[in-house]
Amino acid sequence: MMAVGRLLGTGSQAASYLLGGAAVVLAVAAIVTSASAGDVTGWIRDVLG
């Protein structure tokens, strides 16, 4: 039973990572398509400090 629980735990963790990655990719794509390269680099500089 422990193995099954562990498998389900890692599976849901992987799914959450995939969903988070997809959200990041979609957000980046939206930013890139709606902004010029200069705006994007400026935004990245702001984020990175």
C-alpha atoms as a PDB file:
ATOM      1  CA  MET A   1       0.000   0.000   0.000  1.00  0.00           C
ATOM      2  CA  MET A   2       2.865   2.365   0.725  1.00  0.00           C
ATOM      3  CA  ALA A   3       4.206   1.891  -2.792  1.00  0.00           C
ATOM      4  CA  VAL A   4       0.813   2.763  -4.284  1.00  0.00           C
ATOM      5  CA  GLY A   5       0.538   5.894  -2.153  1.00  0.00           C
ATOM      6  CA  ARG A   6       4.059   6.911  -3.087  1.00  0.00           C
ATOM      7  CA  LEU A   7       3.339   6.320  -6.775  1.00  0.00           C
ATOM      8  CA  LEU A   8       0.166   8.421  -6.607  1.00  0.00           C
ATOM      9  CA  GLY A   9       2.033  11.142  -4.725  1.00  0.00           C
ATOM     10  CA  THR A  10       4.809  11.385  -7.299  1.00  0.00           C
ATOM     11  CA  GLY A  11       2.261  11.208 -10.110  1.00  0.00           C
ATOM     12  CA  SER A  12       0.265  14.147  -8.787  1.00  0.00           C
ATOM     13  CA  GLN A  13       3.491  16.041  -8.141  1.00  0.00           C
ATOM     14  CA  ALA A  14       4.590  15.470 -11.741  1.00  0.00           C
ATOM     15  CA  ALA A  15       1.162  16.555 -12.984  1.00  0.00           C
ATOM     16  CA  SER A  16       1.361  19.773 -10.969  1.00  0.00           C
ATOM     17  CA  TYR A  17       4.848  20.444 -12.362  1.00  0.00           C
ATOM     18  CA  LEU A  18       3.543  19.900 -15.900  1.00  0.00           C
ATOM     19  CA  LEU A  19       0.566  22.198 -15.315  1.00  0.00           C
ATOM     20  CA  GLY A  20       2.836  24.852 -13.817  1.00  0.00           C
ATOM     21  CA  GLY A  21       5.233  24.555 -16.751  1.00  0.00           C
ATOM     22  CA  ALA A  22       2.383  24.857 -19.245  1.00  0.00           C
ATOM     23  CA  ALA A  23       1.084  27.959 -17.443  1.00  0.00           C
ATOM     24  CA  VAL A  24       4.542  29.558 -17.560  1.00  0.00           C
ATOM     25  CA  VAL A  25       4.950  28.757 -21.259  1.00  0.00           C
ATOM     26  CA  LEU A  26       1.524  30.225 -22.060  1.00  0.00           C
ATOM     27  CA  ALA A  27       2.265  33.353 -20.026  1.00  0.00           C
ATOM     28  CA  VAL A  28       5.624  33.855 -21.746  1.00  0.00           C
ATOM     29  CA  ALA A  29       4.054  33.314 -25.165  1.00  0.00           C
ATOM     30  CA  ALA A  30       1.339  35.868 -24.385  1.00  0.00           C
ATOM     31  CA  ILE A  31       3.937  38.406 -23.214  1.00  0.00           C
ATOM     32  CA  VAL A  32       6.176  37.855 -26.240  1.00  0.00           C
ATOM     33  CA  THR A  33       3.360  38.117 -28.772  1.00  0.00           C
ATOM     34  CA  SER A  34       1.814  41.213 -27.172  1.00  0.00           C
ATOM     35  CA  ALA A  35       5.057  43.101 -26.529  1.00  0.00           C
ATOM     36  CA  SER A  36       8.076  44.122 -28.541  1.00  0.00           C
ATOM     37  CA  ALA A  37      11.515  42.678 -27.825  1.00  0.00           C
ATOM     38  CA  GLY A  38      12.524  45.864 -26.018  1.00  0.00           C
ATOM     39  CA  ASP A  39       9.535  45.648 -23.700  1.00  0.00           C
ATOM     40  CA  VAL A  40      10.288  42.009 -22.921  1.00  0.00           C
ATOM     41  CA  THR A  41      13.961  42.618 -22.139  1.00  0.00           C
ATOM     42  CA  GLY A  42      13.029  45.593 -19.964  1.00  0.00           C
ATOM     43  CA  TRP A  43      10.472  43.474 -18.112  1.00  0.00           C
ATOM     44  CA  ILE A  44      13.051  40.697 -17.606  1.00  0.00           C
ATOM     45  CA  ARG A  45      15.538  43.229 -16.220  1.00  0.00           C
ATOM     46  CA  ASP A  46      12.874  44.476 -13.798  1.00  0.00           C
ATOM     47  CA  VAL A  47      12.083  40.930 -12.658  1.00  0.00           C
ATOM     48  CA  LEU A  48      15.731  39.948 -12.219  1.00  0.00           C
ATOM     49  CA  GLY A  49      16.506  43.216 -10.480  1.00  0.00           C
END
